Amino acid sequence: MKVIVDETGEIIAIATDDHILVGHHRLAVAGSMGKRLFWRDTGEPVELDHFFKHCDRCRRRTRHQGRITAMLNWMLLALESNRVIELRIAKLMRGGKAAQREALRMVSEKMLAAAKTGTSLMAGASADQIVEQYRRKVAANVKRLSQKRTRKRKSR
């Protein structure tokens, strides 16, 4: 068995040798709160994407696997979206021109995403493909919003 712990060493979840995850609710909560998770035996960080996508590479196929993979994609989208919401709220609370630009960008992104989703659905895309599109956009937003920006001072 492999044990997943948080920064304080508290056990969050356990993965058995036959790939059964015990404590997945605590794992989802810890991920949504932005906690860093580690494998207890090695101390290496746990990559949630890599961990959940293991189902796709498993040789043992079940009739429920497609539904499980879809559920995990939806769950990861929810967790990742929480981080974007947190970062955007922080930026909006700081105020200023950057907050105004972020508010405009947020609204226009949502309109473009809805249009792209409609177009993709009409072209025959599956729900999983739509979720993947959203996850890519959410990941880009997390990366952009997490970067430290330094203000350039005007020369006198």
N, C-alpha and C. Protein backbone atom coordinates (compact mmCIF):
# COMPACT_ATOMS: atom_id res chain seq x y z
N MET A 1 0.84 -1.19 0.00
CA MET A 1 0.00 0.00 0.00
C MET A 1 0.88 1.24 0.00
N LYS A 2 0.37 2.27 -0.68
CA LYS A 2 1.06 3.56 -0.69
C LYS A 2 0.15 4.56 0.01
N VAL A 3 0.76 5.38 0.86
CA VAL A 3 0.01 6.33 1.67
C VAL A 3 0.27 7.74 1.15
N ILE A 4 -0.82 8.51 1.02
CA ILE A 4 -0.74 9.91 0.59
C ILE A 4 -0.95 10.78 1.83
N VAL A 5 -0.01 11.70 2.07
CA VAL A 5 -0.10 12.59 3.23
C VAL A 5 -0.04 14.03 2.78
N ASP A 6 -0.48 14.94 3.66
CA ASP A 6 -0.35 16.37 3.36
C ASP A 6 0.93 16.91 3.97
N GLU A 7 1.10 18.23 3.94
CA GLU A 7 2.34 18.86 4.41
C GLU A 7 2.61 18.61 5.88
N THR A 8 1.55 18.42 6.68
CA THR A 8 1.72 18.21 8.11
C THR A 8 1.93 16.74 8.46
N GLY A 9 1.85 15.86 7.46
CA GLY A 9 2.03 14.43 7.70
C GLY A 9 0.74 13.68 7.97
N GLU A 10 -0.39 14.40 7.91
CA GLU A 10 -1.69 13.76 8.13
C GLU A 10 -2.04 12.87 6.94
N ILE A 11 -2.50 11.67 7.21
CA ILE A 11 -2.87 10.74 6.14
C ILE A 11 -4.14 11.24 5.46
N ILE A 12 -4.06 11.39 4.15
CA ILE A 12 -5.19 11.87 3.36
C ILE A 12 -5.88 10.71 2.65
N ALA A 13 -5.11 9.81 2.06
CA ALA A 13 -5.68 8.68 1.32
C ALA A 13 -4.67 7.55 1.26
N ILE A 14 -5.17 6.37 0.92
CA ILE A 14 -4.32 5.19 0.78
C ILE A 14 -4.64 4.54 -0.56
N ALA A 15 -3.60 4.19 -1.30
CA ALA A 15 -3.76 3.49 -2.57
C ALA A 15 -3.28 2.05 -2.36
N THR A 16 -4.15 1.09 -2.59
CA THR A 16 -3.78 -0.31 -2.41
C THR A 16 -3.01 -0.80 -3.62
N ASP A 17 -2.41 -1.99 -3.48
CA ASP A 17 -1.62 -2.55 -4.57
C ASP A 17 -2.46 -2.86 -5.81
N ASP A 18 -3.76 -3.14 -5.62
CA ASP A 18 -4.61 -3.42 -6.78
C ASP A 18 -5.37 -2.16 -7.23
N HIS A 19 -4.76 -0.99 -6.96
CA HIS A 19 -5.20 0.31 -7.48
C HIS A 19 -6.57 0.75 -6.96
N ILE A 20 -6.89 0.41 -5.74
CA ILE A 20 -8.13 0.89 -5.13
C ILE A 20 -7.76 2.07 -4.24
N LEU A 21 -8.46 3.16 -4.40
CA LEU A 21 -8.18 4.37 -3.64
C LEU A 21 -9.12 4.44 -2.44
N VAL A 22 -8.54 4.49 -1.26
CA VAL A 22 -9.32 4.60 -0.03
C VAL A 22 -9.14 6.03 0.48
N GLY A 23 -10.24 6.73 0.71
CA GLY A 23 -10.17 8.11 1.18
C GLY A 23 -10.21 9.13 0.07
N HIS A 24 -10.86 8.78 -1.04
CA HIS A 24 -10.87 9.69 -2.19
C HIS A 24 -11.59 11.01 -1.88
N HIS A 25 -12.55 11.01 -0.92
CA HIS A 25 -13.24 12.25 -0.58
C HIS A 25 -12.27 13.23 0.09
N ARG A 26 -11.45 12.72 1.00
CA ARG A 26 -10.46 13.58 1.66
C ARG A 26 -9.43 14.07 0.65
N LEU A 27 -9.11 13.24 -0.33
CA LEU A 27 -8.16 13.63 -1.37
C LEU A 27 -8.74 14.78 -2.20
N ALA A 28 -10.02 14.69 -2.53
CA ALA A 28 -10.68 15.74 -3.30
C ALA A 28 -10.72 17.05 -2.51
N VAL A 29 -11.03 16.97 -1.23
CA VAL A 29 -11.10 18.17 -0.39
C VAL A 29 -9.71 18.80 -0.27
N ALA A 30 -8.71 17.98 0.00
CA ALA A 30 -7.33 18.50 0.13
C ALA A 30 -6.88 19.16 -1.17
N GLY A 31 -7.20 18.55 -2.30
CA GLY A 31 -6.84 19.12 -3.59
C GLY A 31 -7.55 20.44 -3.85
N SER A 32 -8.82 20.53 -3.48
CA SER A 32 -9.57 21.76 -3.71
C SER A 32 -9.08 22.89 -2.82
N MET A 33 -8.48 22.56 -1.68
CA MET A 33 -7.95 23.58 -0.78
C MET A 33 -6.53 23.98 -1.14
N GLY A 34 -5.99 23.36 -2.18
CA GLY A 34 -4.65 23.70 -2.64
C GLY A 34 -3.53 23.12 -1.79
N LYS A 35 -3.86 22.10 -0.98
CA LYS A 35 -2.82 21.48 -0.16
C LYS A 35 -1.85 20.71 -1.04
N ARG A 36 -0.59 20.72 -0.65
CA ARG A 36 0.41 19.93 -1.36
C ARG A 36 0.39 18.54 -0.75
N LEU A 37 0.31 17.53 -1.62
CA LEU A 37 0.23 16.14 -1.16
C LEU A 37 1.48 15.39 -1.56
N PHE A 38 1.89 14.43 -0.71
CA PHE A 38 3.12 13.70 -0.91
C PHE A 38 2.91 12.21 -0.67
N TRP A 39 3.74 11.39 -1.31
CA TRP A 39 3.80 9.96 -0.99
C TRP A 39 4.61 9.85 0.30
N ARG A 40 4.05 9.18 1.31
CA ARG A 40 4.73 9.12 2.61
C ARG A 40 6.06 8.38 2.54
N ASP A 41 6.13 7.31 1.76
CA ASP A 41 7.36 6.51 1.75
C ASP A 41 8.51 7.17 1.01
N THR A 42 8.24 7.97 -0.02
CA THR A 42 9.32 8.58 -0.80
C THR A 42 9.44 10.08 -0.59
N GLY A 43 8.37 10.73 -0.13
CA GLY A 43 8.38 12.18 0.03
C GLY A 43 8.16 12.95 -1.26
N GLU A 44 7.95 12.24 -2.36
CA GLU A 44 7.72 12.90 -3.65
C GLU A 44 6.31 13.47 -3.70
N PRO A 45 6.12 14.60 -4.40
CA PRO A 45 4.78 15.17 -4.51
C PRO A 45 3.86 14.25 -5.32
N VAL A 46 2.59 14.25 -4.95
CA VAL A 46 1.59 13.47 -5.66
C VAL A 46 0.99 14.34 -6.75
N GLU A 47 1.06 13.89 -7.99
CA GLU A 47 0.44 14.58 -9.12
C GLU A 47 -0.96 14.00 -9.29
N LEU A 48 -1.98 14.78 -9.00
CA LEU A 48 -3.35 14.26 -9.06
C LEU A 48 -3.72 13.81 -10.47
N ASP A 49 -3.33 14.59 -11.48
CA ASP A 49 -3.63 14.20 -12.86
C ASP A 49 -3.06 12.82 -13.16
N HIS A 50 -1.78 12.67 -12.87
CA HIS A 50 -1.11 11.41 -13.15
C HIS A 50 -1.75 10.27 -12.38
N PHE A 51 -2.10 10.52 -11.15
CA PHE A 51 -2.68 9.48 -10.30
C PHE A 51 -4.04 9.02 -10.81
N PHE A 52 -4.91 9.97 -11.19
CA PHE A 52 -6.24 9.60 -11.64
C PHE A 52 -6.25 9.07 -13.06
N LYS A 53 -5.31 9.48 -13.89
CA LYS A 53 -5.29 9.00 -15.26
C LYS A 53 -4.73 7.58 -15.34
N HIS A 54 -4.28 7.03 -14.23
CA HIS A 54 -3.76 5.67 -14.21
C HIS A 54 -4.82 4.68 -14.70
N CYS A 55 -6.09 5.02 -14.45
CA CYS A 55 -7.18 4.12 -14.88
C CYS A 55 -7.14 3.87 -16.38
N ASP A 56 -6.74 4.88 -17.16
CA ASP A 56 -6.71 4.74 -18.61
C ASP A 56 -5.64 3.74 -19.06
N ARG A 57 -4.55 3.63 -18.31
CA ARG A 57 -3.46 2.76 -18.72
C ARG A 57 -3.57 1.35 -18.13
N CYS A 58 -4.55 1.15 -17.28
CA CYS A 58 -4.69 -0.14 -16.62
C CYS A 58 -5.07 -1.21 -17.65
N ARG A 59 -4.42 -2.36 -17.58
CA ARG A 59 -4.71 -3.41 -18.56
C ARG A 59 -6.07 -4.06 -18.32
N ARG A 60 -6.50 -4.03 -17.08
CA ARG A 60 -7.76 -4.62 -16.73
C ARG A 60 -8.89 -3.67 -17.14
N ARG A 61 -9.71 -4.07 -18.07
CA ARG A 61 -10.79 -3.20 -18.57
C ARG A 61 -12.12 -3.66 -17.97
N THR A 62 -12.92 -2.68 -17.59
CA THR A 62 -14.25 -3.00 -17.08
C THR A 62 -15.27 -2.21 -17.88
N ARG A 63 -16.50 -2.61 -17.76
CA ARG A 63 -17.53 -1.90 -18.50
C ARG A 63 -17.84 -0.53 -17.88
N HIS A 64 -17.39 -0.32 -16.64
CA HIS A 64 -17.64 0.95 -15.96
C HIS A 64 -16.48 1.93 -16.10
N GLN A 65 -15.39 1.50 -16.72
CA GLN A 65 -14.19 2.33 -16.76
C GLN A 65 -14.43 3.68 -17.43
N GLY A 66 -15.19 3.71 -18.52
CA GLY A 66 -15.47 4.97 -19.20
C GLY A 66 -16.19 5.96 -18.29
N ARG A 67 -17.13 5.45 -17.51
CA ARG A 67 -17.86 6.32 -16.59
C ARG A 67 -16.95 6.81 -15.46
N ILE A 68 -16.07 5.94 -14.99
CA ILE A 68 -15.16 6.32 -13.91
C ILE A 68 -14.19 7.39 -14.41
N THR A 69 -13.65 7.21 -15.60
CA THR A 69 -12.73 8.20 -16.16
C THR A 69 -13.44 9.54 -16.34
N ALA A 70 -14.66 9.51 -16.85
CA ALA A 70 -15.43 10.74 -17.04
C ALA A 70 -15.67 11.43 -15.70
N MET A 71 -16.02 10.64 -14.68
CA MET A 71 -16.27 11.21 -13.35
C MET A 71 -15.00 11.87 -12.81
N LEU A 72 -13.86 11.21 -12.98
CA LEU A 72 -12.61 11.77 -12.49
C LEU A 72 -12.25 13.06 -13.24
N ASN A 73 -12.50 13.10 -14.54
CA ASN A 73 -12.26 14.33 -15.30
C ASN A 73 -13.12 15.48 -14.79
N TRP A 74 -14.39 15.20 -14.52
CA TRP A 74 -15.29 16.22 -13.98
C TRP A 74 -14.81 16.67 -12.60
N MET A 75 -14.38 15.71 -11.77
CA MET A 75 -13.92 16.05 -10.43
C MET A 75 -12.66 16.92 -10.50
N LEU A 76 -11.72 16.55 -11.37
CA LEU A 76 -10.50 17.34 -11.51
C LEU A 76 -10.80 18.74 -12.04
N LEU A 77 -11.77 18.85 -12.96
CA LEU A 77 -12.17 20.17 -13.46
C LEU A 77 -12.70 21.02 -12.31
N ALA A 78 -13.51 20.43 -11.44
CA ALA A 78 -14.05 21.17 -10.30
C ALA A 78 -12.94 21.63 -9.36
N LEU A 79 -12.00 20.75 -9.07
CA LEU A 79 -10.89 21.10 -8.18
C LEU A 79 -10.03 22.21 -8.77
N GLU A 80 -9.70 22.08 -10.04
CA GLU A 80 -8.85 23.06 -10.70
C GLU A 80 -9.57 24.40 -10.84
N SER A 81 -10.87 24.36 -11.07
CA SER A 81 -11.65 25.60 -11.19
C SER A 81 -11.68 26.36 -9.87
N ASN A 82 -11.71 25.64 -8.76
CA ASN A 82 -11.69 26.30 -7.45
C ASN A 82 -10.44 27.15 -7.29
N ARG A 83 -9.33 26.67 -7.79
CA ARG A 83 -8.06 27.42 -7.69
C ARG A 83 -8.14 28.70 -8.52
N VAL A 84 -8.72 28.63 -9.71
CA VAL A 84 -8.87 29.82 -10.54
C VAL A 84 -9.78 30.83 -9.85
N ILE A 85 -10.86 30.36 -9.26
CA ILE A 85 -11.78 31.26 -8.55
C ILE A 85 -11.04 31.95 -7.41
N GLU A 86 -10.26 31.19 -6.65
CA GLU A 86 -9.49 31.76 -5.54
C GLU A 86 -8.53 32.84 -6.03
N LEU A 87 -7.79 32.55 -7.09
CA LEU A 87 -6.82 33.50 -7.61
C LEU A 87 -7.49 34.75 -8.18
N ARG A 88 -8.62 34.56 -8.84
CA ARG A 88 -9.33 35.71 -9.41
C ARG A 88 -9.93 36.59 -8.32
N ILE A 89 -10.50 35.98 -7.29
CA ILE A 89 -11.07 36.78 -6.19
C ILE A 89 -9.97 37.61 -5.55
N ALA A 90 -8.80 37.01 -5.33
CA ALA A 90 -7.69 37.76 -4.74
C ALA A 90 -7.30 38.94 -5.63
N LYS A 91 -7.27 38.72 -6.92
CA LYS A 91 -6.89 39.80 -7.85
C LYS A 91 -7.95 40.89 -7.87
N LEU A 92 -9.21 40.50 -7.87
CA LEU A 92 -10.29 41.48 -7.88
C LEU A 92 -10.33 42.28 -6.59
N MET A 93 -10.00 41.64 -5.47
CA MET A 93 -10.00 42.35 -4.18
C MET A 93 -8.89 43.39 -4.10
N ARG A 94 -7.79 43.19 -4.83
CA ARG A 94 -6.70 44.17 -4.83
C ARG A 94 -7.10 45.44 -5.56
N GLY A 95 -8.04 45.33 -6.47
CA GLY A 95 -8.53 46.50 -7.20
C GLY A 95 -7.55 47.01 -8.23
N GLY A 96 -7.87 48.17 -8.78
CA GLY A 96 -6.99 48.80 -9.75
C GLY A 96 -7.29 48.36 -11.18
N LYS A 97 -6.39 48.80 -12.08
CA LYS A 97 -6.56 48.49 -13.50
C LYS A 97 -6.45 47.00 -13.78
N ALA A 98 -5.55 46.32 -13.06
CA ALA A 98 -5.39 44.88 -13.27
C ALA A 98 -6.68 44.14 -12.94
N ALA A 99 -7.37 44.57 -11.89
CA ALA A 99 -8.64 43.93 -11.52
C ALA A 99 -9.72 44.18 -12.57
N GLN A 100 -9.73 45.41 -13.11
CA GLN A 100 -10.70 45.72 -14.17
C GLN A 100 -10.45 44.87 -15.40
N ARG A 101 -9.18 44.74 -15.79
CA ARG A 101 -8.84 43.91 -16.95
C ARG A 101 -9.23 42.45 -16.70
N GLU A 102 -9.00 41.97 -15.48
CA GLU A 102 -9.33 40.58 -15.16
C GLU A 102 -10.84 40.34 -15.22
N ALA A 103 -11.61 41.30 -14.72
CA ALA A 103 -13.08 41.17 -14.76
C ALA A 103 -13.58 41.11 -16.21
N LEU A 104 -13.04 41.98 -17.05
CA LEU A 104 -13.44 41.96 -18.47
C LEU A 104 -13.00 40.66 -19.14
N ARG A 105 -11.79 40.23 -18.83
CA ARG A 105 -11.28 39.00 -19.42
C ARG A 105 -12.13 37.80 -19.00
N MET A 106 -12.53 37.78 -17.73
CA MET A 106 -13.31 36.67 -17.20
C MET A 106 -14.64 36.55 -17.95
N VAL A 107 -15.32 37.66 -18.16
CA VAL A 107 -16.61 37.64 -18.84
C VAL A 107 -16.44 37.23 -20.30
N SER A 108 -15.45 37.80 -20.98
CA SER A 108 -15.26 37.47 -22.39
C SER A 108 -14.82 36.02 -22.56
N GLU A 109 -14.00 35.50 -21.63
CA GLU A 109 -13.59 34.09 -21.69
C GLU A 109 -14.79 33.16 -21.59
N LYS A 110 -15.71 33.50 -20.70
CA LYS A 110 -16.89 32.65 -20.50
C LYS A 110 -17.76 32.64 -21.76
N MET A 111 -17.90 33.80 -22.40
CA MET A 111 -18.70 33.87 -23.62
C MET A 111 -18.04 33.07 -24.75
N LEU A 112 -16.72 33.20 -24.88
CA LEU A 112 -16.00 32.45 -25.91
C LEU A 112 -16.04 30.95 -25.64
N ALA A 113 -15.92 30.56 -24.37
CA ALA A 113 -15.95 29.14 -24.02
C ALA A 113 -17.32 28.53 -24.34
N ALA A 114 -18.39 29.28 -24.04
CA ALA A 114 -19.74 28.79 -24.36
C ALA A 114 -19.92 28.62 -25.86
N ALA A 115 -19.43 29.58 -26.63
CA ALA A 115 -19.54 29.48 -28.09
C ALA A 115 -18.73 28.31 -28.62
N LYS A 116 -17.52 28.13 -28.10
CA LYS A 116 -16.68 27.02 -28.55
C LYS A 116 -17.31 25.67 -28.18
N THR A 117 -17.91 25.61 -27.00
CA THR A 117 -18.57 24.38 -26.58
C THR A 117 -19.73 24.04 -27.51
N GLY A 118 -20.54 25.03 -27.82
CA GLY A 118 -21.66 24.81 -28.73
C GLY A 118 -21.20 24.34 -30.09
N THR A 119 -20.16 24.98 -30.60
CA THR A 119 -19.61 24.59 -31.90
C THR A 119 -19.07 23.16 -31.86
N SER A 120 -18.35 22.83 -30.79
CA SER A 120 -17.79 21.48 -30.65
C SER A 120 -18.89 20.43 -30.56
N LEU A 121 -19.94 20.73 -29.81
CA LEU A 121 -21.05 19.78 -29.69
C LEU A 121 -21.74 19.56 -31.03
N MET A 122 -21.92 20.64 -31.78
CA MET A 122 -22.55 20.49 -33.09
C MET A 122 -21.66 19.70 -34.06
N ALA A 123 -20.36 19.76 -33.82
CA ALA A 123 -19.42 19.02 -34.66
C ALA A 123 -19.27 17.58 -34.22
N GLY A 124 -19.96 17.20 -33.13
CA GLY A 124 -19.95 15.81 -32.70
C GLY A 124 -18.99 15.48 -31.56
N ALA A 125 -18.50 16.48 -30.84
CA ALA A 125 -17.58 16.23 -29.72
C ALA A 125 -18.32 15.56 -28.56
N SER A 126 -17.60 14.72 -27.84
CA SER A 126 -18.19 14.06 -26.68
C SER A 126 -18.07 14.96 -25.46
N ALA A 127 -18.78 14.61 -24.40
CA ALA A 127 -18.71 15.37 -23.16
C ALA A 127 -17.29 15.36 -22.60
N ASP A 128 -16.60 14.22 -22.72
CA ASP A 128 -15.22 14.13 -22.24
C ASP A 128 -14.30 15.10 -22.99
N GLN A 129 -14.51 15.25 -24.28
CA GLN A 129 -13.69 16.18 -25.06
C GLN A 129 -13.95 17.62 -24.64
N ILE A 130 -15.20 17.92 -24.34
CA ILE A 130 -15.55 19.27 -23.87
C ILE A 130 -14.88 19.55 -22.53
N VAL A 131 -14.93 18.58 -21.62
CA VAL A 131 -14.31 18.75 -20.31
C VAL A 131 -12.80 18.95 -20.47
N GLU A 132 -12.18 18.21 -21.38
CA GLU A 132 -10.75 18.39 -21.62
C GLU A 132 -10.44 19.80 -22.12
N GLN A 133 -11.30 20.34 -22.99
CA GLN A 133 -11.11 21.72 -23.47
C GLN A 133 -11.14 22.70 -22.29
N TYR A 134 -12.13 22.53 -21.42
CA TYR A 134 -12.24 23.41 -20.26
C TYR A 134 -11.04 23.25 -19.33
N ARG A 135 -10.58 22.00 -19.12
CA ARG A 135 -9.44 21.78 -18.23
C ARG A 135 -8.18 22.44 -18.76
N ARG A 136 -7.99 22.42 -20.08
CA ARG A 136 -6.81 23.09 -20.66
C ARG A 136 -6.88 24.60 -20.40
N LYS A 137 -8.05 25.18 -20.58
CA LYS A 137 -8.22 26.61 -20.36
C LYS A 137 -8.04 26.96 -18.88
N VAL A 138 -8.59 26.14 -18.01
CA VAL A 138 -8.44 26.37 -16.56
C VAL A 138 -6.97 26.28 -16.16
N ALA A 139 -6.25 25.31 -16.69
CA ALA A 139 -4.83 25.17 -16.38
C ALA A 139 -4.04 26.40 -16.84
N ALA A 140 -4.39 26.92 -18.01
CA ALA A 140 -3.72 28.13 -18.50
C ALA A 140 -4.01 29.32 -17.59
N ASN A 141 -5.24 29.41 -17.10
CA ASN A 141 -5.60 30.50 -16.19
C ASN A 141 -4.85 30.39 -14.87
N VAL A 142 -4.73 29.18 -14.34
CA VAL A 142 -3.99 28.99 -13.09
C VAL A 142 -2.54 29.43 -13.28
N LYS A 143 -1.95 29.03 -14.39
CA LYS A 143 -0.56 29.40 -14.66
C LYS A 143 -0.41 30.91 -14.77
N ARG A 144 -1.31 31.54 -15.51
CA ARG A 144 -1.24 32.99 -15.71
C ARG A 144 -1.47 33.75 -14.41
N LEU A 145 -2.48 33.35 -13.65
CA LEU A 145 -2.82 34.07 -12.43
C LEU A 145 -1.83 33.82 -11.29
N SER A 146 -1.10 32.73 -11.36
CA SER A 146 -0.15 32.38 -10.29
C SER A 146 1.19 33.09 -10.44
N GLN A 147 1.45 33.64 -11.61
CA GLN A 147 2.74 34.30 -11.85
C GLN A 147 2.82 35.60 -11.07
N LYS A 148 3.99 35.84 -10.50
CA LYS A 148 4.24 37.11 -9.82
C LYS A 148 4.50 38.17 -10.87
N ARG A 149 3.78 39.22 -10.82
CA ARG A 149 3.98 40.33 -11.76
C ARG A 149 4.67 41.46 -11.02
N THR A 150 5.65 42.02 -11.63
CA THR A 150 6.31 43.18 -11.04
C THR A 150 5.91 44.41 -11.83
N ARG A 151 5.72 45.47 -11.11
CA ARG A 151 5.33 46.71 -11.77
C ARG A 151 6.56 47.41 -12.31
N LYS A 152 6.44 47.91 -13.49
CA LYS A 152 7.53 48.68 -14.07
C LYS A 152 7.33 50.14 -13.70
N ARG A 153 8.36 50.70 -13.13
CA ARG A 153 8.28 52.12 -12.75
C ARG A 153 8.60 52.99 -13.95
N LYS A 154 7.92 54.09 -14.01
CA LYS A 154 8.18 55.04 -15.08
C LYS A 154 9.45 55.82 -14.76
N SER A 155 10.27 56.02 -15.77
CA SER A 155 11.49 56.80 -15.60
C SER A 155 11.14 58.28 -15.56
N ARG A 156 11.83 59.00 -14.71
CA ARG A 156 11.54 60.44 -14.60
C ARG A 156 12.49 61.23 -15.41
